[in-house]
Amino acid sequence: MYEYKAIVKKIYDADTITVDIDLGFGTWLKNQQIRLYGINAPEVRGESKVAGFAARDILLKWIPIGSEIIIRTHKDDKEKYGRWLGEIFVPDIATKELTNINEQLVAGGYAVRYME
């Protein structure tokens, strides 16, 4: 497992985001898709699209485009759709504690636990 700072560029749905990852020493990995590890959220297409948009919108509220997040990767490989697997964390401004966004989505009923 590795941790990286990243900037949110796009949120497709509540379990797939696009980020620019800071690898350190001025090196960035741009436009990387991240699949949120261990959860499954409703899709923004098909029968689940109302729930999918609600889940996506809450994620946009928690990690707006342009915000800095921390990604903790779980595999040094991409999953079947070419996305990196990771947990998303945001620091609380007051306490500096990290909030696990993956867990928050499950706790709020916006996603369910899922293991590939």
PDB file of N, CA and C in Angstrom:
ATOM      1  N   MET A   1       0.840  -1.187   0.000  1.00  0.00           N
ATOM      2  CA  MET A   1       0.000   0.000   0.000  1.00  0.00           C
ATOM      3  C   MET A   1       0.880   1.243   0.000  1.00  0.00           C
ATOM      4  N   TYR A   2       0.462   2.219  -0.781  1.00  0.00           N
ATOM      5  CA  TYR A   2       1.154   3.488  -0.857  1.00  0.00           C
ATOM      6  C   TYR A   2       0.151   4.611  -0.701  1.00  0.00           C
ATOM      7  N   GLU A   3       0.619   5.749  -0.215  1.00  0.00           N
ATOM      8  CA  GLU A   3      -0.241   6.920  -0.093  1.00  0.00           C
ATOM      9  C   GLU A   3       0.312   8.049  -0.947  1.00  0.00           C
ATOM     10  N   TYR A   4      -0.607   8.727  -1.632  1.00  0.00           N
ATOM     11  CA  TYR A   4      -0.245   9.827  -2.515  1.00  0.00           C
ATOM     12  C   TYR A   4      -1.200  10.988  -2.312  1.00  0.00           C
ATOM     13  N   LYS A   5      -0.690  12.200  -2.465  1.00  0.00           N
ATOM     14  CA  LYS A   5      -1.569  13.359  -2.552  1.00  0.00           C
ATOM     15  C   LYS A   5      -2.059  13.428  -3.989  1.00  0.00           C
ATOM     16  N   ALA A   6      -3.287  13.894  -4.155  1.00  0.00           N
ATOM     17  CA  ALA A   6      -3.855  13.990  -5.499  1.00  0.00           C
ATOM     18  C   ALA A   6      -4.834  15.157  -5.557  1.00  0.00           C
ATOM     19  N   ILE A   7      -5.107  15.609  -6.761  1.00  0.00           N
ATOM     20  CA  ILE A   7      -6.075  16.667  -7.017  1.00  0.00           C
ATOM     21  C   ILE A   7      -7.235  16.057  -7.801  1.00  0.00           C
ATOM     22  N   VAL A   8      -8.462  16.279  -7.316  1.00  0.00           N
ATOM     23  CA  VAL A   8      -9.645  15.751  -7.983  1.00  0.00           C
ATOM     24  C   VAL A   8      -9.896  16.525  -9.267  1.00  0.00           C
ATOM     25  N   LYS A   9     -10.004  15.804 -10.386  1.00  0.00           N
ATOM     26  CA  LYS A   9     -10.247  16.417 -11.688  1.00  0.00           C
ATOM     27  C   LYS A   9     -11.673  16.161 -12.185  1.00  0.00           C
ATOM     28  N   LYS A  10     -12.221  14.982 -11.872  1.00  0.00           N
ATOM     29  CA  LYS A  10     -13.550  14.605 -12.359  1.00  0.00           C
ATOM     30  C   LYS A  10     -14.117  13.514 -11.458  1.00  0.00           C
ATOM     31  N   ILE A  11     -15.430  13.557 -11.281  1.00  0.00           N
ATOM     32  CA  ILE A  11     -16.122  12.481 -10.564  1.00  0.00           C
ATOM     33  C   ILE A  11     -17.175  11.935 -11.508  1.00  0.00           C
ATOM     34  N   TYR A  12     -16.972  10.688 -11.945  1.00  0.00           N
ATOM     35  CA  TYR A  12     -17.920  10.070 -12.869  1.00  0.00           C
ATOM     36  C   TYR A  12     -19.150   9.577 -12.113  1.00  0.00           C
ATOM     37  N   ASP A  13     -18.910   8.755 -11.103  1.00  0.00           N
ATOM     38  CA  ASP A  13     -19.974   8.302 -10.211  1.00  0.00           C
ATOM     39  C   ASP A  13     -19.354   8.156  -8.826  1.00  0.00           C
ATOM     40  N   ALA A  14     -20.079   7.594  -7.892  1.00  0.00           N
ATOM     41  CA  ALA A  14     -19.592   7.593  -6.508  1.00  0.00           C
ATOM     42  C   ALA A  14     -18.495   6.573  -6.236  1.00  0.00           C
ATOM     43  N   ASP A  15     -18.130   5.764  -7.231  1.00  0.00           N
ATOM     44  CA  ASP A  15     -16.998   4.867  -7.008  1.00  0.00           C
ATOM     45  C   ASP A  15     -15.924   4.955  -8.096  1.00  0.00           C
ATOM     46  N   THR A  16     -15.997   5.977  -8.950  1.00  0.00           N
ATOM     47  CA  THR A  16     -14.972   6.187  -9.977  1.00  0.00           C
ATOM     48  C   THR A  16     -14.676   7.680 -10.111  1.00  0.00           C
ATOM     49  N   ILE A  17     -13.406   8.040  -9.865  1.00  0.00           N
ATOM     50  CA  ILE A  17     -12.994   9.433  -9.986  1.00  0.00           C
ATOM     51  C   ILE A  17     -11.729   9.518 -10.844  1.00  0.00           C
ATOM     52  N   THR A  18     -11.464  10.716 -11.347  1.00  0.00           N
ATOM     53  CA  THR A  18     -10.238  10.980 -12.096  1.00  0.00           C
ATOM     54  C   THR A  18      -9.442  12.012 -11.316  1.00  0.00           C
ATOM     55  N   VAL A  19      -8.137  11.747 -11.174  1.00  0.00           N
ATOM     56  CA  VAL A  19      -7.274  12.616 -10.374  1.00  0.00           C
ATOM     57  C   VAL A  19      -5.930  12.828 -11.067  1.00  0.00           C
ATOM     58  N   ASP A  20      -5.238  13.878 -10.642  1.00  0.00           N
ATOM     59  CA  ASP A  20      -3.817  14.056 -10.940  1.00  0.00           C
ATOM     60  C   ASP A  20      -3.085  13.669  -9.657  1.00  0.00           C
ATOM     61  N   ILE A  21      -2.142  12.739  -9.750  1.00  0.00           N
ATOM     62  CA  ILE A  21      -1.452  12.205  -8.575  1.00  0.00           C
ATOM     63  C   ILE A  21      -0.053  12.796  -8.463  1.00  0.00           C
ATOM     64  N   ASP A  22       0.266  13.317  -7.281  1.00  0.00           N
ATOM     65  CA  ASP A  22       1.585  13.858  -6.983  1.00  0.00           C
ATOM     66  C   ASP A  22       2.489  12.710  -6.548  1.00  0.00           C
ATOM     67  N   LEU A  23       3.454  12.352  -7.391  1.00  0.00           N
ATOM     68  CA  LEU A  23       4.379  11.265  -7.068  1.00  0.00           C
ATOM     69  C   LEU A  23       5.595  11.753  -6.285  1.00  0.00           C
ATOM     70  N   GLY A  24       5.691  13.054  -6.097  1.00  0.00           N
ATOM     71  CA  GLY A  24       6.828  13.634  -5.382  1.00  0.00           C
ATOM     72  C   GLY A  24       7.904  14.140  -6.330  1.00  0.00           C
ATOM     73  N   PHE A  25       8.757  15.011  -5.834  1.00  0.00           N
ATOM     74  CA  PHE A  25       9.875  15.565  -6.597  1.00  0.00           C
ATOM     75  C   PHE A  25       9.418  16.227  -7.900  1.00  0.00           C
ATOM     76  N   GLY A  26       8.234  16.853  -7.868  1.00  0.00           N
ATOM     77  CA  GLY A  26       7.727  17.562  -9.030  1.00  0.00           C
ATOM     78  C   GLY A  26       7.182  16.667 -10.131  1.00  0.00           C
ATOM     79  N   THR A  27       6.972  15.409  -9.846  1.00  0.00           N
ATOM     80  CA  THR A  27       6.474  14.461 -10.841  1.00  0.00           C
ATOM     81  C   THR A  27       5.002  14.173 -10.593  1.00  0.00           C
ATOM     82  N   TRP A  28       4.197  14.349 -11.641  1.00  0.00           N
ATOM     83  CA  TRP A  28       2.749  14.133 -11.545  1.00  0.00           C
ATOM     84  C   TRP A  28       2.309  13.083 -12.545  1.00  0.00           C
ATOM     85  N   LEU A  29       1.355  12.268 -12.153  1.00  0.00           N
ATOM     86  CA  LEU A  29       0.685  11.320 -13.032  1.00  0.00           C
ATOM     87  C   LEU A  29      -0.693  11.917 -13.288  1.00  0.00           C
ATOM     88  N   LYS A  30      -0.936  12.360 -14.507  1.00  0.00           N
ATOM     89  CA  LYS A  30      -2.150  13.121 -14.825  1.00  0.00           C
ATOM     90  C   LYS A  30      -3.293  12.218 -15.288  1.00  0.00           C
ATOM     91  N   ASN A  31      -4.521  12.663 -14.998  1.00  0.00           N
ATOM     92  CA  ASN A  31      -5.757  12.040 -15.490  1.00  0.00           C
ATOM     93  C   ASN A  31      -5.836  10.539 -15.232  1.00  0.00           C
ATOM     94  N   GLN A  32      -5.612  10.150 -13.988  1.00  0.00           N
ATOM     95  CA  GLN A  32      -5.668   8.741 -13.608  1.00  0.00           C
ATOM     96  C   GLN A  32      -7.033   8.401 -13.024  1.00  0.00           C
ATOM     97  N   GLN A  33      -7.635   7.340 -13.543  1.00  0.00           N
ATOM     98  CA  GLN A  33      -8.918   6.900 -12.997  1.00  0.00           C
ATOM     99  C   GLN A  33      -8.675   6.037 -11.777  1.00  0.00           C
ATOM    100  N   ILE A  34      -9.439   6.337 -10.727  1.00  0.00           N
ATOM    101  CA  ILE A  34      -9.367   5.599  -9.473  1.00  0.00           C
ATOM    102  C   ILE A  34     -10.715   4.945  -9.225  1.00  0.00           C
ATOM    103  N   ARG A  35     -10.700   3.644  -8.961  1.00  0.00           N
ATOM    104  CA  ARG A  35     -11.895   2.913  -8.542  1.00  0.00           C
ATOM    105  C   ARG A  35     -11.825   2.819  -7.037  1.00  0.00           C
ATOM    106  N   LEU A  36     -12.829   3.358  -6.349  1.00  0.00           N
ATOM    107  CA  LEU A  36     -12.801   3.353  -4.894  1.00  0.00           C
ATOM    108  C   LEU A  36     -12.851   1.915  -4.389  1.00  0.00           C
ATOM    109  N   TYR A  37     -11.828   1.573  -3.642  1.00  0.00           N
ATOM    110  CA  TYR A  37     -11.599   0.208  -3.172  1.00  0.00           C
ATOM    111  C   TYR A  37     -12.641  -0.235  -2.149  1.00  0.00           C
ATOM    112  N   GLY A  38     -13.160  -1.442  -2.343  1.00  0.00           N
ATOM    113  CA  GLY A  38     -14.001  -2.071  -1.326  1.00  0.00           C
ATOM    114  C   GLY A  38     -15.450  -1.624  -1.289  1.00  0.00           C
ATOM    115  N   ILE A  39     -15.870  -0.803  -2.279  1.00  0.00           N
ATOM    116  CA  ILE A  39     -17.264  -0.358  -2.293  1.00  0.00           C
ATOM    117  C   ILE A  39     -17.843  -0.467  -3.695  1.00  0.00           C
ATOM    118  N   ASN A  40     -19.153  -0.472  -3.760  1.00  0.00           N
ATOM    119  CA  ASN A  40     -19.856  -0.410  -5.031  1.00  0.00           C
ATOM    120  C   ASN A  40     -21.010   0.565  -4.869  1.00  0.00           C
ATOM    121  N   ALA A  41     -21.060   1.541  -5.752  1.00  0.00           N
ATOM    122  CA  ALA A  41     -22.105   2.568  -5.703  1.00  0.00           C
ATOM    123  C   ALA A  41     -23.030   2.385  -6.904  1.00  0.00           C
ATOM    124  N   PRO A  42     -24.264   2.897  -6.807  1.00  0.00           N
ATOM    125  CA  PRO A  42     -25.188   2.800  -7.936  1.00  0.00           C
ATOM    126  C   PRO A  42     -24.626   3.512  -9.171  1.00  0.00           C
ATOM    127  N   GLU A  43     -24.971   2.979 -10.337  1.00  0.00           N
ATOM    128  CA  GLU A  43     -24.517   3.559 -11.599  1.00  0.00           C
ATOM    129  C   GLU A  43     -25.340   4.804 -11.943  1.00  0.00           C
ATOM    130  N   VAL A  44     -24.756   5.690 -12.746  1.00  0.00           N
ATOM    131  CA  VAL A  44     -25.464   6.901 -13.178  1.00  0.00           C
ATOM    132  C   VAL A  44     -26.230   6.669 -14.481  1.00  0.00           C
ATOM    133  N   ARG A  45     -26.271   5.421 -14.903  1.00  0.00           N
ATOM    134  CA  ARG A  45     -27.043   5.020 -16.085  1.00  0.00           C
ATOM    135  C   ARG A  45     -27.983   3.885 -15.697  1.00  0.00           C
ATOM    136  N   GLY A  46     -29.005   3.693 -16.505  1.00  0.00           N
ATOM    137  CA  GLY A  46     -29.908   2.561 -16.291  1.00  0.00           C
ATOM    138  C   GLY A  46     -30.894   2.801 -15.155  1.00  0.00           C
ATOM    139  N   GLU A  47     -31.387   1.707 -14.607  1.00  0.00           N
ATOM    140  CA  GLU A  47     -32.430   1.761 -13.586  1.00  0.00           C
ATOM    141  C   GLU A  47     -31.995   2.439 -12.296  1.00  0.00           C
ATOM    142  N   SER A  48     -30.716   2.409 -12.002  1.00  0.00           N
ATOM    143  CA  SER A  48     -30.235   2.967 -10.731  1.00  0.00           C
ATOM    144  C   SER A  48     -29.773   4.415 -10.850  1.00  0.00           C
ATOM    145  N   LYS A  49     -30.068   5.082 -11.972  1.00  0.00           N
ATOM    146  CA  LYS A  49     -29.461   6.396 -12.199  1.00  0.00           C
ATOM    147  C   LYS A  49     -29.881   7.460 -11.188  1.00  0.00           C
ATOM    148  N   VAL A  50     -31.098   7.406 -10.652  1.00  0.00           N
ATOM    149  CA  VAL A  50     -31.504   8.415  -9.650  1.00  0.00           C
ATOM    150  C   VAL A  50     -30.624   8.273  -8.410  1.00  0.00           C
ATOM    151  N   ALA A  51     -30.470   7.039  -7.927  1.00  0.00           N
ATOM    152  CA  ALA A  51     -29.600   6.796  -6.764  1.00  0.00           C
ATOM    153  C   ALA A  51     -28.143   7.067  -7.127  1.00  0.00           C
ATOM    154  N   GLY A  52     -27.763   6.754  -8.365  1.00  0.00           N
ATOM    155  CA  GLY A  52     -26.394   6.996  -8.811  1.00  0.00           C
ATOM    156  C   GLY A  52     -26.028   8.470  -8.813  1.00  0.00           C
ATOM    157  N   PHE A  53     -26.944   9.310  -9.297  1.00  0.00           N
ATOM    158  CA  PHE A  53     -26.682  10.757  -9.297  1.00  0.00           C
ATOM    159  C   PHE A  53     -26.669  11.306  -7.872  1.00  0.00           C
ATOM    160  N   ALA A  54     -27.540  10.796  -7.004  1.00  0.00           N
ATOM    161  CA  ALA A  54     -27.550  11.244  -5.600  1.00  0.00           C
ATOM    162  C   ALA A  54     -26.221  10.913  -4.925  1.00  0.00           C
ATOM    163  N   ALA A  55     -25.717   9.691  -5.157  1.00  0.00           N
ATOM    164  CA  ALA A  55     -24.439   9.277  -4.562  1.00  0.00           C
ATOM    165  C   ALA A  55     -23.290  10.101  -5.146  1.00  0.00           C
ATOM    166  N   ARG A  56     -23.300  10.302  -6.465  1.00  0.00           N
ATOM    167  CA  ARG A  56     -22.258  11.098  -7.100  1.00  0.00           C
ATOM    168  C   ARG A  56     -22.262  12.535  -6.570  1.00  0.00           C
ATOM    169  N   ASP A  57     -23.448  13.104  -6.411  1.00  0.00           N
ATOM    170  CA  ASP A  57     -23.545  14.485  -5.945  1.00  0.00           C
ATOM    171  C   ASP A  57     -23.043  14.651  -4.519  1.00  0.00           C
ATOM    172  N   ILE A  58     -23.282  13.656  -3.654  1.00  0.00           N
ATOM    173  CA  ILE A  58     -22.758  13.755  -2.287  1.00  0.00           C
ATOM    174  C   ILE A  58     -21.237  13.645  -2.299  1.00  0.00           C
ATOM    175  N   LEU A  59     -20.700  12.797  -3.192  1.00  0.00           N
ATOM    176  CA  LEU A  59     -19.244  12.699  -3.305  1.00  0.00           C
ATOM    177  C   LEU A  59     -18.652  14.015  -3.803  1.00  0.00           C
ATOM    178  N   LEU A  60     -19.324  14.658  -4.761  1.00  0.00           N
ATOM    179  CA  LEU A  60     -18.878  15.980  -5.237  1.00  0.00           C
ATOM    180  C   LEU A  60     -18.883  17.015  -4.114  1.00  0.00           C
ATOM    181  N   LYS A  61     -19.838  16.895  -3.209  1.00  0.00           N
ATOM    182  CA  LYS A  61     -19.901  17.806  -2.062  1.00  0.00           C
ATOM    183  C   LYS A  61     -18.727  17.554  -1.114  1.00  0.00           C
ATOM    184  N   TRP A  62     -18.384  16.285  -0.903  1.00  0.00           N
ATOM    185  CA  TRP A  62     -17.310  15.927   0.027  1.00  0.00           C
ATOM    186  C   TRP A  62     -15.924  16.161  -0.555  1.00  0.00           C
ATOM    187  N   ILE A  63     -15.761  15.910  -1.876  1.00  0.00           N
ATOM    188  CA  ILE A  63     -14.460  16.142  -2.521  1.00  0.00           C
ATOM    189  C   ILE A  63     -14.697  16.903  -3.833  1.00  0.00           C
ATOM    190  N   PRO A  64     -14.911  18.199  -3.746  1.00  0.00           N
ATOM    191  CA  PRO A  64     -15.197  18.994  -4.951  1.00  0.00           C
ATOM    192  C   PRO A  64     -14.044  18.935  -5.963  1.00  0.00           C
ATOM    193  N   ILE A  65     -14.372  19.187  -7.212  1.00  0.00           N
ATOM    194  CA  ILE A  65     -13.355  19.266  -8.261  1.00  0.00           C
ATOM    195  C   ILE A  65     -12.316  20.306  -7.829  1.00  0.00           C
ATOM    196  N   GLY A  66     -11.043  19.933  -7.958  1.00  0.00           N
ATOM    197  CA  GLY A  66      -9.952  20.829  -7.570  1.00  0.00           C
ATOM    198  C   GLY A  66      -9.468  20.628  -6.152  1.00  0.00           C
ATOM    199  N   SER A  67     -10.173  19.822  -5.367  1.00  0.00           N
ATOM    200  CA  SER A  67      -9.745  19.640  -3.975  1.00  0.00           C
ATOM    201  C   SER A  67      -8.594  18.644  -3.883  1.00  0.00           C
ATOM    202  N   GLU A  68      -7.813  18.794  -2.821  1.00  0.00           N
ATOM    203  CA  GLU A  68      -6.694  17.887  -2.577  1.00  0.00           C
ATOM    204  C   GLU A  68      -7.162  16.747  -1.691  1.00  0.00           C
ATOM    205  N   ILE A  69      -6.819  15.535  -2.097  1.00  0.00           N
ATOM    206  CA  ILE A  69      -7.175  14.338  -1.342  1.00  0.00           C
ATOM    207  C   ILE A  69      -5.924  13.495  -1.143  1.00  0.00           C
ATOM    208  N   ILE A  70      -6.058  12.455  -0.347  1.00  0.00           N
ATOM    209  CA  ILE A  70      -5.000  11.463  -0.192  1.00  0.00           C
ATOM    210  C   ILE A  70      -5.561  10.137  -0.685  1.00  0.00           C
ATOM    211  N   ILE A  71      -4.784   9.455  -1.511  1.00  0.00           N
ATOM    212  CA  ILE A  71      -5.184   8.149  -2.036  1.00  0.00           C
ATOM    213  C   ILE A  71      -4.279   7.095  -1.422  1.00  0.00           C
ATOM    214  N   ARG A  72      -4.883   6.063  -0.867  1.00  0.00           N
ATOM    215  CA  ARG A  72      -4.130   4.902  -0.378  1.00  0.00           C
ATOM    216  C   ARG A  72      -4.429   3.752  -1.342  1.00  0.00           C
ATOM    217  N   THR A  73      -3.422   3.352  -2.105  1.00  0.00           N
ATOM    218  CA  THR A  73      -3.620   2.289  -3.088  1.00  0.00           C
ATOM    219  C   THR A  73      -3.614   0.922  -2.415  1.00  0.00           C
ATOM    220  N   HIS A  74      -4.275  -0.027  -3.059  1.00  0.00           N
ATOM    221  CA  HIS A  74      -4.359  -1.383  -2.514  1.00  0.00           C
ATOM    222  C   HIS A  74      -3.715  -2.437  -3.378  1.00  0.00           C
ATOM    223  N   LYS A  75      -3.494  -2.130  -4.634  1.00  0.00           N
ATOM    224  CA  LYS A  75      -2.808  -3.059  -5.523  1.00  0.00           C
ATOM    225  C   LYS A  75      -1.864  -2.249  -6.392  1.00  0.00           C
ATOM    226  N   ASP A  76      -0.736  -2.844  -6.697  1.00  0.00           N
ATOM    227  CA  ASP A  76       0.203  -2.185  -7.598  1.00  0.00           C
ATOM    228  C   ASP A  76      -0.117  -2.625  -9.027  1.00  0.00           C
ATOM    229  N   ASP A  77      -1.403  -2.574  -9.356  1.00  0.00           N
ATOM    230  CA  ASP A  77      -1.891  -3.020 -10.648  1.00  0.00           C
ATOM    231  C   ASP A  77      -3.243  -2.367 -10.870  1.00  0.00           C
ATOM    232  N   LYS A  78      -3.707  -2.378 -12.102  1.00  0.00           N
ATOM    233  CA  LYS A  78      -5.011  -1.819 -12.406  1.00  0.00           C
ATOM    234  C   LYS A  78      -6.041  -2.939 -12.467  1.00  0.00           C
ATOM    235  N   GLU A  79      -7.317  -2.600 -12.201  1.00  0.00           N
ATOM    236  CA  GLU A  79      -8.368  -3.605 -12.260  1.00  0.00           C
ATOM    237  C   GLU A  79      -8.831  -3.781 -13.702  1.00  0.00           C
ATOM    238  N   LYS A  80      -9.853  -4.578 -13.933  1.00  0.00           N
ATOM    239  CA  LYS A  80     -10.217  -4.990 -15.292  1.00  0.00           C
ATOM    240  C   LYS A  80     -10.580  -3.849 -16.233  1.00  0.00           C
ATOM    241  N   TYR A  81     -10.987  -2.689 -15.728  1.00  0.00           N
ATOM    242  CA  TYR A  81     -11.314  -1.544 -16.575  1.00  0.00           C
ATOM    243  C   TYR A  81     -10.183  -0.528 -16.634  1.00  0.00           C
ATOM    244  N   GLY A  82      -9.002  -0.875 -16.140  1.00  0.00           N
ATOM    245  CA  GLY A  82      -7.845  -0.001 -16.237  1.00  0.00           C
ATOM    246  C   GLY A  82      -7.743   1.063 -15.161  1.00  0.00           C
ATOM    247  N   ARG A  83      -8.535   0.933 -14.105  1.00  0.00           N
ATOM    248  CA  ARG A  83      -8.509   1.932 -13.027  1.00  0.00           C
ATOM    249  C   ARG A  83      -7.645   1.419 -11.876  1.00  0.00           C
ATOM    250  N   TRP A  84      -6.958   2.346 -11.219  1.00  0.00           N
ATOM    251  CA  TRP A  84      -6.230   2.012  -9.995  1.00  0.00           C
ATOM    252  C   TRP A  84      -7.246   1.824  -8.877  1.00  0.00           C
ATOM    253  N   LEU A  85      -6.963   0.972  -7.910  1.00  0.00           N
ATOM    254  CA  LEU A  85      -7.832   0.757  -6.752  1.00  0.00           C
ATOM    255  C   LEU A  85      -7.294   1.561  -5.585  1.00  0.00           C
ATOM    256  N   GLY A  86      -8.170   2.337  -4.927  1.00  0.00           N
ATOM    257  CA  GLY A  86      -7.687   3.141  -3.820  1.00  0.00           C
ATOM    258  C   GLY A  86      -8.768   3.577  -2.857  1.00  0.00           C
ATOM    259  N   GLU A  87      -8.322   3.854  -1.647  1.00  0.00           N
ATOM    260  CA  GLU A  87      -9.186   4.482  -0.643  1.00  0.00           C
ATOM    261  C   GLU A  87      -8.896   5.975  -0.691  1.00  0.00           C
ATOM    262  N   ILE A  88      -9.948   6.762  -0.529  1.00  0.00           N
ATOM    263  CA  ILE A  88      -9.833   8.209  -0.583  1.00  0.00           C
ATOM    264  C   ILE A  88      -9.969   8.771   0.828  1.00  0.00           C
ATOM    265  N   PHE A  89      -9.049   9.654   1.190  1.00  0.00           N
ATOM    266  CA  PHE A  89      -9.074  10.305   2.500  1.00  0.00           C
ATOM    267  C   PHE A  89      -9.019  11.811   2.318  1.00  0.00           C
ATOM    268  N   VAL A  90      -9.721  12.527   3.192  1.00  0.00           N
ATOM    269  CA  VAL A  90      -9.620  13.984   3.232  1.00  0.00           C
ATOM    270  C   VAL A  90      -9.310  14.396   4.669  1.00  0.00           C
ATOM    271  N   PRO A  91      -8.412  15.364   4.828  1.00  0.00           N
ATOM    272  CA  PRO A  91      -8.084  15.826   6.180  1.00  0.00           C
ATOM    273  C   PRO A  91      -9.152  16.782   6.707  1.00  0.00           C
ATOM    274  N   ASP A  92      -9.500  16.622   7.964  1.00  0.00           N
ATOM    275  CA  ASP A  92     -10.387  17.562   8.639  1.00  0.00           C
ATOM    276  C   ASP A  92      -9.565  18.812   8.937  1.00  0.00           C
ATOM    277  N   ILE A  93     -10.057  19.968   8.540  1.00  0.00           N
ATOM    278  CA  ILE A  93      -9.301  21.216   8.681  1.00  0.00           C
ATOM    279  C   ILE A  93      -8.969  21.513  10.140  1.00  0.00           C
ATOM    280  N   ALA A  94      -9.926  21.278  11.023  1.00  0.00           N
ATOM    281  CA  ALA A  94      -9.721  21.621  12.438  1.00  0.00           C
ATOM    282  C   ALA A  94      -8.819  20.624  13.157  1.00  0.00           C
ATOM    283  N   THR A  95      -9.087  19.324  12.967  1.00  0.00           N
ATOM    284  CA  THR A  95      -8.379  18.312  13.757  1.00  0.00           C
ATOM    285  C   THR A  95      -7.200  17.674  13.042  1.00  0.00           C
ATOM    286  N   LYS A  96      -7.121  17.851  11.721  1.00  0.00           N
ATOM    287  CA  LYS A  96      -6.101  17.213  10.883  1.00  0.00           C
ATOM    288  C   LYS A  96      -6.275  15.691  10.797  1.00  0.00           C
ATOM    289  N   GLU A  97      -7.355  15.163  11.377  1.00  0.00           N
ATOM    290  CA  GLU A  97      -7.666  13.729  11.266  1.00  0.00           C
ATOM    291  C   GLU A  97      -8.109  13.440   9.839  1.00  0.00           C
ATOM    292  N   LEU A  98      -7.840  12.226   9.367  1.00  0.00           N
ATOM    293  CA  LEU A  98      -8.245  11.841   8.017  1.00  0.00           C
ATOM    294  C   LEU A  98      -9.596  11.146   8.034  1.00  0.00           C
ATOM    295  N   THR A  99     -10.482  11.554   7.141  1.00  0.00           N
ATOM    296  CA  THR A  99     -11.782  10.921   6.977  1.00  0.00           C
ATOM    297  C   THR A  99     -11.714  10.006   5.764  1.00  0.00           C
ATOM    298  N   ASN A 100     -12.101   8.744   5.953  1.00  0.00           N
ATOM    299  CA  ASN A 100     -12.117   7.767   4.873  1.00  0.00           C
ATOM    300  C   ASN A 100     -13.423   7.939   4.097  1.00  0.00           C
ATOM    301  N   ILE A 101     -13.333   8.462   2.888  1.00  0.00           N
ATOM    302  CA  ILE A 101     -14.514   8.744   2.074  1.00  0.00           C
ATOM    303  C   ILE A 101     -15.204   7.456   1.643  1.00  0.00           C
ATOM    304  N   ASN A 102     -14.450   6.405   1.362  1.00  0.00           N
ATOM    305  CA  ASN A 102     -15.055   5.117   1.011  1.00  0.00           C
ATOM    306  C   ASN A 102     -15.997   4.666   2.116  1.00  0.00           C
ATOM    307  N   GLU A 103     -15.525   4.732   3.359  1.00  0.00           N
ATOM    308  CA  GLU A 103     -16.337   4.320   4.513  1.00  0.00           C
ATOM    309  C   GLU A 103     -17.532   5.248   4.718  1.00  0.00           C
ATOM    310  N   GLN A 104     -17.329   6.542   4.474  1.00  0.00           N
ATOM    311  CA  GLN A 104     -18.425   7.502   4.624  1.00  0.00           C
ATOM    312  C   GLN A 104     -19.553   7.211   3.623  1.00  0.00           C
ATOM    313  N   LEU A 105     -19.195   6.825   2.402  1.00  0.00           N
ATOM    314  CA  LEU A 105     -20.211   6.493   1.399  1.00  0.00           C
ATOM    315  C   LEU A 105     -21.041   5.286   1.841  1.00  0.00           C
ATOM    316  N   VAL A 106     -20.382   4.290   2.418  1.00  0.00           N
ATOM    317  CA  VAL A 106     -21.101   3.109   2.924  1.00  0.00           C
ATOM    318  C   VAL A 106     -21.961   3.495   4.123  1.00  0.00           C
ATOM    319  N   ALA A 107     -21.392   4.227   5.061  1.00  0.00           N
ATOM    320  CA  ALA A 107     -22.124   4.627   6.268  1.00  0.00           C
ATOM    321  C   ALA A 107     -23.353   5.464   5.932  1.00  0.00           C
ATOM    322  N   GLY A 108     -23.256   6.279   4.896  1.00  0.00           N
ATOM    323  CA  GLY A 108     -24.387   7.132   4.502  1.00  0.00           C
ATOM    324  C   GLY A 108     -25.410   6.435   3.625  1.00  0.00           C
ATOM    325  N   GLY A 109     -25.162   5.174   3.279  1.00  0.00           N
ATOM    326  CA  GLY A 109     -26.085   4.424   2.433  1.00  0.00           C
ATOM    327  C   GLY A 109     -25.951   4.732   0.948  1.00  0.00           C
ATOM    328  N   TYR A 110     -24.864   5.393   0.547  1.00  0.00           N
ATOM    329  CA  TYR A 110     -24.639   5.741  -0.861  1.00  0.00           C
ATOM    330  C   TYR A 110     -23.895   4.656  -1.623  1.00  0.00           C
ATOM    331  N   ALA A 111     -23.345   3.685  -0.898  1.00  0.00           N
ATOM    332  CA  ALA A 111     -22.613   2.580  -1.515  1.00  0.00           C
ATOM    333  C   ALA A 111     -22.704   1.375  -0.573  1.00  0.00           C
ATOM    334  N   VAL A 112     -22.343   0.222  -1.101  1.00  0.00           N
ATOM    335  CA  VAL A 112     -22.288  -1.009  -0.295  1.00  0.00           C
ATOM    336  C   VAL A 112     -20.873  -1.554  -0.359  1.00  0.00           C
ATOM    337  N   ARG A 113     -20.538  -2.365   0.623  1.00  0.00           N
ATOM    338  CA  ARG A 113     -19.213  -3.010   0.607  1.00  0.00           C
ATOM    339  C   ARG A 113     -19.143  -3.985  -0.560  1.00  0.00           C
ATOM    340  N   TYR A 114     -17.957  -4.044  -1.169  1.00  0.00           N
ATOM    341  CA  TYR A 114     -17.768  -4.893  -2.340  1.00  0.00           C
ATOM    342  C   TYR A 114     -16.305  -5.277  -2.428  1.00  0.00           C
ATOM    343  N   MET A 115     -16.058  -6.544  -2.595  1.00  0.00           N
ATOM    344  CA  MET A 115     -14.666  -6.995  -2.764  1.00  0.00           C
ATOM    345  C   MET A 115     -14.557  -7.703  -4.107  1.00  0.00           C
ATOM    346  N   GLU A 116     -13.567  -7.289  -4.906  1.00  0.00           N
ATOM    347  CA  GLU A 116     -13.362  -7.907  -6.223  1.00  0.00           C
ATOM    348  C   GLU A 116     -12.683  -9.239  -6.078  1.00  0.00           C
TER     349      GLU A 116
END
